[in-house]
Amino acid sequence: MFEELSAWRFIAILITIIICFAVWKLPEIVKVVYKKKD
């Protein structure tokens, strides 16, 4: 039970980090995508 709980906690932290990183890098990603469209 405890191992499963810690695994879910690790996954939740990992998802949070990925979301924060994506939001932080979003302006750069949008610029690259718009450049490819032109």
PDB file of N, CA and C in Angstrom:
ATOM      1  N   MET A   1       0.838  -1.209   0.000  1.00  0.00           N
ATOM      2  CA  MET A   1       0.000   0.000   0.000  1.00  0.00           C
ATOM      3  C   MET A   1       0.869   1.253   0.000  1.00  0.00           C
ATOM      4  N   PHE A   2       1.849   1.273   0.899  1.00  0.00           N
ATOM      5  CA  PHE A   2       2.713   2.455   1.006  1.00  0.00           C
ATOM      6  C   PHE A   2       3.530   2.653  -0.269  1.00  0.00           C
ATOM      7  N   GLU A   3       4.025   1.560  -0.836  1.00  0.00           N
ATOM      8  CA  GLU A   3       4.819   1.663  -2.067  1.00  0.00           C
ATOM      9  C   GLU A   3       3.972   2.199  -3.220  1.00  0.00           C
ATOM     10  N   GLU A   4       2.734   1.740  -3.286  1.00  0.00           N
ATOM     11  CA  GLU A   4       1.829   2.207  -4.344  1.00  0.00           C
ATOM     12  C   GLU A   4       1.545   3.700  -4.175  1.00  0.00           C
ATOM     13  N   LEU A   5       1.350   4.122  -2.924  1.00  0.00           N
ATOM     14  CA  LEU A   5       1.059   5.524  -2.628  1.00  0.00           C
ATOM     15  C   LEU A   5       2.238   6.412  -3.018  1.00  0.00           C
ATOM     16  N   SER A   6       3.448   5.985  -2.680  1.00  0.00           N
ATOM     17  CA  SER A   6       4.632   6.777  -3.005  1.00  0.00           C
ATOM     18  C   SER A   6       4.848   6.827  -4.520  1.00  0.00           C
ATOM     19  N   ALA A   7       4.503   5.738  -5.211  1.00  0.00           N
ATOM     20  CA  ALA A   7       4.618   5.709  -6.667  1.00  0.00           C
ATOM     21  C   ALA A   7       3.667   6.729  -7.299  1.00  0.00           C
ATOM     22  N   TRP A   8       2.417   6.761  -6.787  1.00  0.00           N
ATOM     23  CA  TRP A   8       1.445   7.737  -7.297  1.00  0.00           C
ATOM     24  C   TRP A   8       1.897   9.161  -7.008  1.00  0.00           C
ATOM     25  N   ARG A   9       2.504   9.359  -5.821  1.00  0.00           N
ATOM     26  CA  ARG A   9       3.000  10.689  -5.456  1.00  0.00           C
ATOM     27  C   ARG A   9       4.121  11.104  -6.412  1.00  0.00           C
ATOM     28  N   PHE A  10       5.017  10.162  -6.733  1.00  0.00           N
ATOM     29  CA  PHE A  10       6.116  10.426  -7.667  1.00  0.00           C
ATOM     30  C   PHE A  10       5.570  10.791  -9.044  1.00  0.00           C
ATOM     31  N   ILE A  11       4.564  10.045  -9.503  1.00  0.00           N
ATOM     32  CA  ILE A  11       3.941  10.325 -10.805  1.00  0.00           C
ATOM     33  C   ILE A  11       3.298  11.711 -10.802  1.00  0.00           C
ATOM     34  N   ALA A  12       2.609  12.057  -9.715  1.00  0.00           N
ATOM     35  CA  ALA A  12       1.951  13.363  -9.615  1.00  0.00           C
ATOM     36  C   ALA A  12       2.972  14.494  -9.654  1.00  0.00           C
ATOM     37  N   ILE A  13       4.090  14.324  -8.933  1.00  0.00           N
ATOM     38  CA  ILE A  13       5.150  15.341  -8.939  1.00  0.00           C
ATOM     39  C   ILE A  13       5.743  15.462 -10.339  1.00  0.00           C
ATOM     40  N   LEU A  14       5.966  14.328 -10.993  1.00  0.00           N
ATOM     41  CA  LEU A  14       6.544  14.318 -12.338  1.00  0.00           C
ATOM     42  C   LEU A  14       5.632  15.056 -13.318  1.00  0.00           C
ATOM     43  N   ILE A  15       4.330  14.796 -13.254  1.00  0.00           N
ATOM     44  CA  ILE A  15       3.360  15.468 -14.126  1.00  0.00           C
ATOM     45  C   ILE A  15       3.358  16.974 -13.862  1.00  0.00           C
ATOM     46  N   THR A  16       3.422  17.358 -12.582  1.00  0.00           N
ATOM     47  CA  THR A  16       3.450  18.780 -12.224  1.00  0.00           C
ATOM     48  C   THR A  16       4.670  19.464 -12.818  1.00  0.00           C
ATOM     49  N   ILE A  17       5.835  18.806 -12.723  1.00  0.00           N
ATOM     50  CA  ILE A  17       7.074  19.369 -13.276  1.00  0.00           C
ATOM     51  C   ILE A  17       6.953  19.514 -14.790  1.00  0.00           C
ATOM     52  N   ILE A  18       6.402  18.499 -15.456  1.00  0.00           N
ATOM     53  CA  ILE A  18       6.249  18.534 -16.916  1.00  0.00           C
ATOM     54  C   ILE A  18       5.316  19.676 -17.328  1.00  0.00           C
ATOM     55  N   ILE A  19       4.209  19.853 -16.602  1.00  0.00           N
ATOM     56  CA  ILE A  19       3.257  20.931 -16.914  1.00  0.00           C
ATOM     57  C   ILE A  19       3.922  22.294 -16.729  1.00  0.00           C
ATOM     58  N   CYS A  20       4.634  22.462 -15.605  1.00  0.00           N
ATOM     59  CA  CYS A  20       5.322  23.736 -15.345  1.00  0.00           C
ATOM     60  C   CYS A  20       6.347  24.022 -16.438  1.00  0.00           C
ATOM     61  N   PHE A  21       7.107  23.002 -16.840  1.00  0.00           N
ATOM     62  CA  PHE A  21       8.116  23.161 -17.889  1.00  0.00           C
ATOM     63  C   PHE A  21       7.457  23.517 -19.217  1.00  0.00           C
ATOM     64  N   ALA A  22       6.330  22.862 -19.528  1.00  0.00           N
ATOM     65  CA  ALA A  22       5.616  23.126 -20.777  1.00  0.00           C
ATOM     66  C   ALA A  22       5.095  24.559 -20.815  1.00  0.00           C
ATOM     67  N   VAL A  23       4.533  25.029 -19.693  1.00  0.00           N
ATOM     68  CA  VAL A  23       4.019  26.406 -19.617  1.00  0.00           C
ATOM     69  C   VAL A  23       5.167  27.403 -19.760  1.00  0.00           C
ATOM     70  N   TRP A  24       6.310  27.083 -19.132  1.00  0.00           N
ATOM     71  CA  TRP A  24       7.482  27.967 -19.178  1.00  0.00           C
ATOM     72  C   TRP A  24       8.044  28.055 -20.599  1.00  0.00           C
ATOM     73  N   LYS A  25       8.039  26.930 -21.329  1.00  0.00           N
ATOM     74  CA  LYS A  25       8.594  26.868 -22.682  1.00  0.00           C
ATOM     75  C   LYS A  25       7.557  27.173 -23.758  1.00  0.00           C
ATOM     76  N   LEU A  26       6.299  27.356 -23.382  1.00  0.00           N
ATOM     77  CA  LEU A  26       5.216  27.537 -24.350  1.00  0.00           C
ATOM     78  C   LEU A  26       5.476  28.674 -25.343  1.00  0.00           C
ATOM     79  N   PRO A  27       5.890  29.882 -24.910  1.00  0.00           N
ATOM     80  CA  PRO A  27       6.150  30.960 -25.876  1.00  0.00           C
ATOM     81  C   PRO A  27       7.166  30.567 -26.946  1.00  0.00           C
ATOM     82  N   GLU A  28       8.240  29.878 -26.551  1.00  0.00           N
ATOM     83  CA  GLU A  28       9.250  29.439 -27.522  1.00  0.00           C
ATOM     84  C   GLU A  28       8.665  28.436 -28.499  1.00  0.00           C
ATOM     85  N   ILE A  29       7.891  27.478 -27.976  1.00  0.00           N
ATOM     86  CA  ILE A  29       7.284  26.442 -28.819  1.00  0.00           C
ATOM     87  C   ILE A  29       6.318  27.083 -29.821  1.00  0.00           C
ATOM     88  N   VAL A  30       5.521  28.051 -29.352  1.00  0.00           N
ATOM     89  CA  VAL A  30       4.558  28.741 -30.229  1.00  0.00           C
ATOM     90  C   VAL A  30       5.292  29.485 -31.345  1.00  0.00           C
ATOM     91  N   LYS A  31       6.395  30.155 -31.008  1.00  0.00           N
ATOM     92  CA  LYS A  31       7.183  30.873 -32.023  1.00  0.00           C
ATOM     93  C   LYS A  31       7.690  29.922 -33.095  1.00  0.00           C
ATOM     94  N   VAL A  32       8.212  28.775 -32.673  1.00  0.00           N
ATOM     95  CA  VAL A  32       8.740  27.783 -33.622  1.00  0.00           C
ATOM     96  C   VAL A  32       7.629  27.269 -34.532  1.00  0.00           C
ATOM     97  N   VAL A  33       6.459  26.985 -33.952  1.00  0.00           N
ATOM     98  CA  VAL A  33       5.332  26.458 -34.732  1.00  0.00           C
ATOM     99  C   VAL A  33       4.862  27.495 -35.753  1.00  0.00           C
ATOM    100  N   TYR A  34       4.760  28.755 -35.340  1.00  0.00           N
ATOM    101  CA  TYR A  34       4.312  29.802 -36.265  1.00  0.00           C
ATOM    102  C   TYR A  34       5.330  30.034 -37.380  1.00  0.00           C
ATOM    103  N   LYS A  35       6.615  29.893 -37.081  1.00  0.00           N
ATOM    104  CA  LYS A  35       7.646  30.034 -38.118  1.00  0.00           C
ATOM    105  C   LYS A  35       7.525  28.923 -39.154  1.00  0.00           C
ATOM    106  N   LYS A  36       7.179  27.709 -38.700  1.00  0.00           N
ATOM    107  CA  LYS A  36       7.030  26.580 -39.625  1.00  0.00           C
ATOM    108  C   LYS A  36       5.820  26.776 -40.535  1.00  0.00           C
ATOM    109  N   LYS A  37       4.777  27.434 -40.041  1.00  0.00           N
ATOM    110  CA  LYS A  37       3.564  27.660 -40.839  1.00  0.00           C
ATOM    111  C   LYS A  37       3.833  28.618 -42.005  1.00  0.00           C
ATOM    112  N   ASP A  38       4.694  29.590 -41.803  1.00  0.00           N
ATOM    113  CA  ASP A  38       4.978  30.576 -42.861  1.00  0.00           C
ATOM    114  C   ASP A  38       5.732  29.951 -44.030  1.00  0.00           C
TER     115      ASP A  38
END
